[in-house]
Amino acid sequence: MPPRGNPTVRQVRLGSELRRMRERAGRTAREAAAMLGVDQARMSNIEAGRIGISDERIRRLATFYACADVLLVDALCAIADERRGQFWWDEYRGILAPGFLDVAEMEHHAVYVRSMQAMVIPGLLQTEDYARVLFQGILPPLPAEEIDARVEHRMRRQTILERQEPVRLTATIHEAALRMRFGGRKVARAQLERLMEGSGCEVVTVRVVPFTNEHFVETTNPILYAGAPVAQLDTVQVDNAVGGHFLDAVAELERHRELLDQAESVALGTEESRQLIHHIAREL
């Protein structure tokens, strides 16, 4: 089977975790390849996520590396068992850019999600009309079919909050995002009402950083932090003007957890946040 031309972020993560496990054990790629009975080039492709690996081989490698973290090994085996076409976002492959699929995949496999937004409402809490306005504002303008696909995809992402074992969401939003009237008063009011509805859900926590906050918080770039079943597999996605980036280095994860902690520390409590959202909605 030829190497994958465009592995998903999750497939790349599986390979990088196997590489980290090997490096912690002080083993070389050549030694690992010899143990599996493959050449070094194939081992490099496995660690880059370009070639898949069976769960049986993952467990053999874990034994070879003297890795005693059973939960981590089980989680890596679960990734290895996933197949293309198994999940709903695969329907958008070839229609939307891979990053859209990677975000949906990251959220789907998370135990909890933490979000920080300064200018817009988090995607997991957006209304269809609000999301459409955002996509219509992209330059150069997107074709109507692309906008429709992006909106539909965003709405389907929200099902993680409604399934039998929902993902817990903590959304920290700056007051500026609440006061933006994207799409006009009607769209903005409906979006705030949706936010109020979402904040009343047991698995959703909404916290607002008010204009009255006197402490600087670095909220320039939107942050989406997905907590995995095992902490080693946590992932953070950071958006900027040219696209999103997925980060999983230990230092990067720690830094973004600290940023989220800082934002939450200066945010209003949940009830105060609901009251502020309600007040802004009434002003519209």
Protein backbone atom coordinates (compact mmCIF):
# COMPACT_ATOMS: atom_id res chain seq x y z
CA MET A 1 0.00 0.00 0.00
CA PRO A 2 1.52 3.39 -1.00
CA PRO A 3 2.02 6.09 1.66
CA ARG A 4 -0.92 8.41 2.33
CA GLY A 5 -0.63 11.65 0.43
CA ASN A 6 -2.60 13.65 2.97
CA PRO A 7 -2.85 11.97 6.41
CA THR A 8 -5.29 13.43 8.90
CA VAL A 9 -4.09 15.26 12.00
CA ARG A 10 -5.15 12.25 14.07
CA GLN A 11 -3.16 9.84 11.88
CA VAL A 12 -0.12 12.10 12.13
CA ARG A 13 -0.61 12.23 15.90
CA LEU A 14 -0.55 8.44 16.15
CA GLY A 15 2.78 8.34 14.34
CA SER A 16 4.30 11.16 16.36
CA GLU A 17 3.29 9.51 19.65
CA LEU A 18 4.97 6.27 18.53
CA ARG A 19 8.09 8.28 17.71
CA ARG A 20 8.03 9.97 21.13
CA MET A 21 7.59 6.61 22.80
CA ARG A 22 10.60 5.28 20.89
CA GLU A 23 12.75 8.30 21.72
CA ARG A 24 11.90 8.06 25.42
CA ALA A 25 13.06 4.46 25.30
CA GLY A 26 16.35 5.47 23.68
CA ARG A 27 15.71 3.29 20.64
CA THR A 28 16.55 4.17 17.05
CA ALA A 29 14.18 3.98 14.09
CA ARG A 30 16.44 1.29 12.64
CA GLU A 31 16.03 -0.84 15.77
CA ALA A 32 12.26 -0.39 15.74
CA ALA A 33 12.08 -1.30 12.07
CA ALA A 34 14.14 -4.42 12.64
CA MET A 35 11.86 -5.49 15.48
CA LEU A 36 8.81 -5.20 13.22
CA GLY A 37 10.60 -6.81 10.30
CA VAL A 38 10.27 -3.79 8.01
CA ASP A 39 12.78 -1.40 6.45
CA GLN A 40 13.67 1.94 8.02
CA ALA A 41 11.83 3.90 5.33
CA ARG A 42 8.56 2.17 6.25
CA MET A 43 9.18 2.87 9.93
CA SER A 44 9.72 6.55 9.13
CA ASN A 45 6.44 6.61 7.19
CA ILE A 46 4.62 4.99 10.11
CA GLU A 47 5.97 7.63 12.50
CA ALA A 48 4.95 10.37 10.06
CA GLY A 49 1.38 9.02 9.80
CA ARG A 50 1.79 8.29 6.09
CA ILE A 51 1.39 4.52 6.58
CA GLY A 52 -1.02 2.82 8.95
CA ILE A 53 -0.10 0.32 11.63
CA SER A 54 -2.09 -2.45 13.28
CA ASP A 55 -2.94 -2.42 16.98
CA GLU A 56 -1.01 -5.69 17.34
CA ARG A 57 2.15 -3.99 16.09
CA ILE A 58 1.56 -1.00 18.34
CA ARG A 59 1.46 -3.31 21.36
CA ARG A 60 4.64 -5.04 20.18
CA LEU A 61 6.37 -1.67 19.89
CA ALA A 62 5.11 -0.64 23.35
CA THR A 63 6.62 -3.79 24.82
CA PHE A 64 9.87 -3.20 22.93
CA TYR A 65 9.94 0.37 24.28
CA ALA A 66 9.08 -0.79 27.82
CA CYS A 67 6.05 1.51 27.87
CA ALA A 68 3.87 0.65 30.85
CA ASP A 69 1.19 3.28 30.15
CA VAL A 70 -1.69 0.93 29.34
CA LEU A 71 -4.24 3.73 28.81
CA LEU A 72 -2.02 5.49 26.30
CA VAL A 73 -1.32 2.28 24.39
CA ASP A 74 -5.04 1.43 24.31
CA ALA A 75 -5.84 4.94 23.02
CA LEU A 76 -3.24 4.63 20.25
CA CYS A 77 -4.66 1.24 19.26
CA ALA A 78 -8.12 2.80 19.05
CA ILE A 79 -6.79 5.40 16.60
CA ALA A 80 -5.14 2.67 14.54
CA ASP A 81 -8.47 0.81 14.26
CA GLU A 82 -10.30 3.83 12.77
CA ARG A 83 -11.04 3.65 9.06
CA ARG A 84 -11.78 6.25 6.42
CA GLY A 85 -15.50 6.54 5.77
CA GLN A 86 -16.38 5.51 9.32
CA PHE A 87 -17.45 8.98 10.51
CA TRP A 88 -19.83 11.66 9.25
CA TRP A 89 -17.14 14.20 8.35
CA ASP A 90 -15.73 11.84 5.75
CA GLU A 91 -18.71 12.85 3.61
CA TYR A 92 -17.01 16.23 3.16
CA ARG A 93 -13.68 14.82 1.97
CA GLY A 94 -12.94 16.42 -1.40
CA ILE A 95 -15.58 19.08 -0.71
CA LEU A 96 -14.05 21.01 2.19
CA ALA A 97 -10.40 21.61 3.01
CA PRO A 98 -8.84 18.91 5.25
CA GLY A 99 -8.68 21.29 8.22
CA PHE A 100 -12.47 21.29 8.53
CA LEU A 101 -12.49 17.51 8.78
CA ASP A 102 -9.63 17.54 11.28
CA VAL A 103 -11.51 19.91 13.61
CA ALA A 104 -14.62 17.73 13.55
CA GLU A 105 -12.51 14.64 14.20
CA MET A 106 -10.66 16.32 17.07
CA GLU A 107 -13.90 17.40 18.76
CA HIS A 108 -15.63 14.05 18.21
CA HIS A 109 -12.94 12.12 20.07
CA ALA A 110 -12.57 14.67 22.89
CA VAL A 111 -13.81 14.26 26.44
CA TYR A 112 -14.01 18.00 26.93
CA VAL A 113 -13.47 21.12 24.83
CA ARG A 114 -12.32 24.54 26.00
CA SER A 115 -12.80 27.50 23.69
CA MET A 116 -11.72 31.14 23.82
CA GLN A 117 -13.06 33.74 21.40
CA ALA A 118 -12.65 37.52 21.31
CA MET A 119 -14.54 38.55 18.16
CA VAL A 120 -17.07 35.84 17.26
CA ILE A 121 -19.26 33.28 19.00
CA PRO A 122 -17.66 29.80 19.16
CA GLY A 123 -18.61 27.56 16.24
CA LEU A 124 -20.13 24.92 18.52
CA LEU A 125 -22.70 27.50 19.68
CA GLN A 126 -23.41 29.38 16.45
CA THR A 127 -26.76 29.58 14.71
CA GLU A 128 -26.99 28.67 11.05
CA ASP A 129 -27.70 32.28 10.01
CA TYR A 130 -24.78 33.63 12.05
CA ALA A 131 -22.37 31.05 10.62
CA ARG A 132 -23.53 31.86 7.09
CA VAL A 133 -22.84 35.56 7.59
CA LEU A 134 -19.30 34.77 8.74
CA PHE A 135 -18.57 32.58 5.73
CA GLN A 136 -20.12 35.14 3.36
CA GLY A 137 -17.63 37.71 4.63
CA ILE A 138 -14.54 35.71 3.61
CA LEU A 139 -12.33 37.24 0.91
CA PRO A 140 -12.13 36.40 -1.88
CA PRO A 141 -15.84 35.51 -1.83
CA LEU A 142 -16.69 31.82 -1.61
CA PRO A 143 -19.00 30.08 -4.11
CA ALA A 144 -22.53 29.52 -2.80
CA GLU A 145 -21.99 25.74 -2.76
CA GLU A 146 -18.88 26.13 -0.59
CA ILE A 147 -20.73 28.35 1.87
CA ASP A 148 -23.59 25.85 2.10
CA ALA A 149 -21.16 22.99 2.76
CA ARG A 150 -19.28 24.94 5.43
CA VAL A 151 -22.47 25.96 7.23
CA GLU A 152 -23.86 22.41 7.15
CA HIS A 153 -20.55 21.02 8.42
CA ARG A 154 -20.48 23.54 11.28
CA MET A 155 -24.01 22.67 12.34
CA ARG A 156 -23.21 18.95 12.32
CA ARG A 157 -20.20 19.55 14.56
CA GLN A 158 -22.60 20.67 17.28
CA THR A 159 -24.02 17.15 17.65
CA ILE A 160 -21.18 16.33 20.06
CA LEU A 161 -23.12 18.34 22.67
CA GLU A 162 -26.31 16.33 22.15
CA ARG A 163 -25.19 12.71 21.86
CA GLN A 164 -25.67 10.07 24.54
CA GLU A 165 -22.21 10.75 25.99
CA PRO A 166 -21.81 14.46 25.19
CA VAL A 167 -18.57 16.39 25.13
CA ARG A 168 -18.31 18.99 27.90
CA LEU A 169 -17.78 22.51 26.52
CA THR A 170 -16.38 25.51 28.39
CA ALA A 171 -16.60 28.61 26.22
CA THR A 172 -14.91 31.83 27.30
CA ILE A 173 -16.12 34.74 25.17
CA HIS A 174 -15.10 38.39 25.26
CA GLU A 175 -17.94 40.89 25.55
CA ALA A 176 -16.81 42.37 22.23
CA ALA A 177 -17.98 39.21 20.45
CA LEU A 178 -21.42 39.54 22.06
CA ARG A 179 -21.84 43.11 20.83
CA MET A 180 -20.89 42.45 17.20
CA ARG A 181 -23.99 42.76 15.01
CA PHE A 182 -22.92 40.45 12.23
CA GLY A 183 -25.87 39.99 9.90
CA GLY A 184 -27.86 42.76 11.52
CA ARG A 185 -29.98 43.01 14.66
CA LYS A 186 -32.23 40.03 13.94
CA VAL A 187 -29.36 37.60 13.32
CA ALA A 188 -27.36 38.96 16.25
CA ARG A 189 -30.32 38.72 18.64
CA ALA A 190 -31.10 35.15 17.58
CA GLN A 191 -27.46 34.25 18.11
CA LEU A 192 -27.45 35.66 21.64
CA GLU A 193 -30.65 33.77 22.39
CA ARG A 194 -28.99 30.58 21.12
CA LEU A 195 -26.06 31.32 23.39
CA MET A 196 -28.42 31.73 26.34
CA GLU A 197 -30.08 28.44 25.48
CA GLY A 198 -26.72 26.68 25.18
CA SER A 199 -25.46 28.08 28.48
CA GLY A 200 -28.44 26.47 30.19
CA CYS A 201 -27.35 23.04 29.01
CA GLU A 202 -25.76 20.80 31.64
CA VAL A 203 -22.64 20.12 29.56
CA VAL A 204 -22.07 23.72 28.39
CA THR A 205 -20.45 26.47 30.45
CA VAL A 206 -20.34 29.99 29.04
CA ARG A 207 -18.15 32.64 30.70
CA VAL A 208 -17.88 36.24 29.50
CA VAL A 209 -14.82 38.47 29.84
CA PRO A 210 -16.42 41.90 30.29
CA PHE A 211 -15.20 45.25 29.00
CA THR A 212 -14.76 46.24 32.65
CA ASN A 213 -11.99 43.68 33.11
CA GLU A 214 -8.78 45.52 33.99
CA HIS A 215 -6.32 42.68 33.35
CA PHE A 216 -4.80 42.04 29.94
CA VAL A 217 -5.60 38.62 28.53
CA GLU A 218 -4.01 37.41 25.30
CA THR A 219 -7.15 36.59 23.31
CA THR A 220 -6.01 37.75 19.86
CA ASN A 221 -6.25 34.32 18.23
CA PRO A 222 -9.21 31.97 18.76
CA ILE A 223 -8.25 28.87 20.74
CA LEU A 224 -9.93 25.48 20.65
CA TYR A 225 -8.51 22.98 23.15
CA ALA A 226 -9.64 19.35 22.96
CA GLY A 227 -9.02 17.20 26.00
CA ALA A 228 -8.49 13.56 25.02
CA PRO A 229 -9.35 10.45 27.07
CA VAL A 230 -5.64 10.38 27.97
CA ALA A 231 -3.96 13.73 28.57
CA GLN A 232 -0.96 12.88 26.37
CA LEU A 233 -3.26 13.06 23.34
CA ASP A 234 -4.70 16.52 24.04
CA THR A 235 -4.70 18.82 21.00
CA VAL A 236 -5.08 22.57 20.55
CA GLN A 237 -6.18 24.33 17.41
CA VAL A 238 -5.31 28.01 16.95
CA ASP A 239 -6.85 30.12 14.19
CA ASN A 240 -5.32 33.13 12.48
CA ALA A 241 -5.86 35.11 9.28
CA VAL A 242 -4.31 32.44 7.06
CA GLY A 243 -5.86 29.34 8.60
CA GLY A 244 -5.78 27.01 11.57
CA HIS A 245 -2.83 25.22 13.14
CA PHE A 246 -2.93 22.07 15.27
CA LEU A 247 -0.44 21.87 18.14
CA ASP A 248 0.41 18.95 20.40
CA ALA A 249 3.87 19.65 21.81
CA VAL A 250 3.87 19.46 25.61
CA ALA A 251 5.04 23.07 25.99
CA GLU A 252 2.39 24.35 23.55
CA LEU A 253 -0.38 22.48 25.31
CA GLU A 254 0.72 23.83 28.68
CA ARG A 255 0.94 27.38 27.35
CA HIS A 256 -2.57 27.30 25.92
CA ARG A 257 -4.00 25.74 29.06
CA GLU A 258 -2.48 28.66 30.96
CA LEU A 259 -4.03 31.15 28.50
CA LEU A 260 -7.44 29.55 28.96
CA ASP A 261 -7.00 29.49 32.74
CA GLN A 262 -6.08 33.17 32.70
CA ALA A 263 -9.12 34.11 30.61
CA GLU A 264 -11.45 32.10 32.84
CA SER A 265 -9.95 33.67 35.96
CA VAL A 266 -11.04 37.19 34.89
CA ALA A 267 -14.36 36.15 33.32
CA LEU A 268 -17.72 36.64 34.99
CA GLY A 269 -19.38 33.71 36.70
CA THR A 270 -21.90 31.66 34.76
CA GLU A 271 -24.98 33.45 36.11
CA GLU A 272 -23.44 36.90 35.72
CA SER A 273 -22.47 35.96 32.17
CA ARG A 274 -26.04 34.90 31.38
CA GLN A 275 -27.34 38.17 32.75
CA LEU A 276 -24.92 40.18 30.59
CA ILE A 277 -25.84 38.20 27.47
CA HIS A 278 -29.53 38.76 28.24
CA HIS A 279 -28.94 42.49 28.75
CA ILE A 280 -27.09 42.86 25.43
CA ALA A 281 -29.82 40.90 23.62
CA ARG A 282 -32.48 43.24 25.04
CA GLU A 283 -30.52 46.25 23.78
CA LEU A 284 -30.95 44.90 20.25
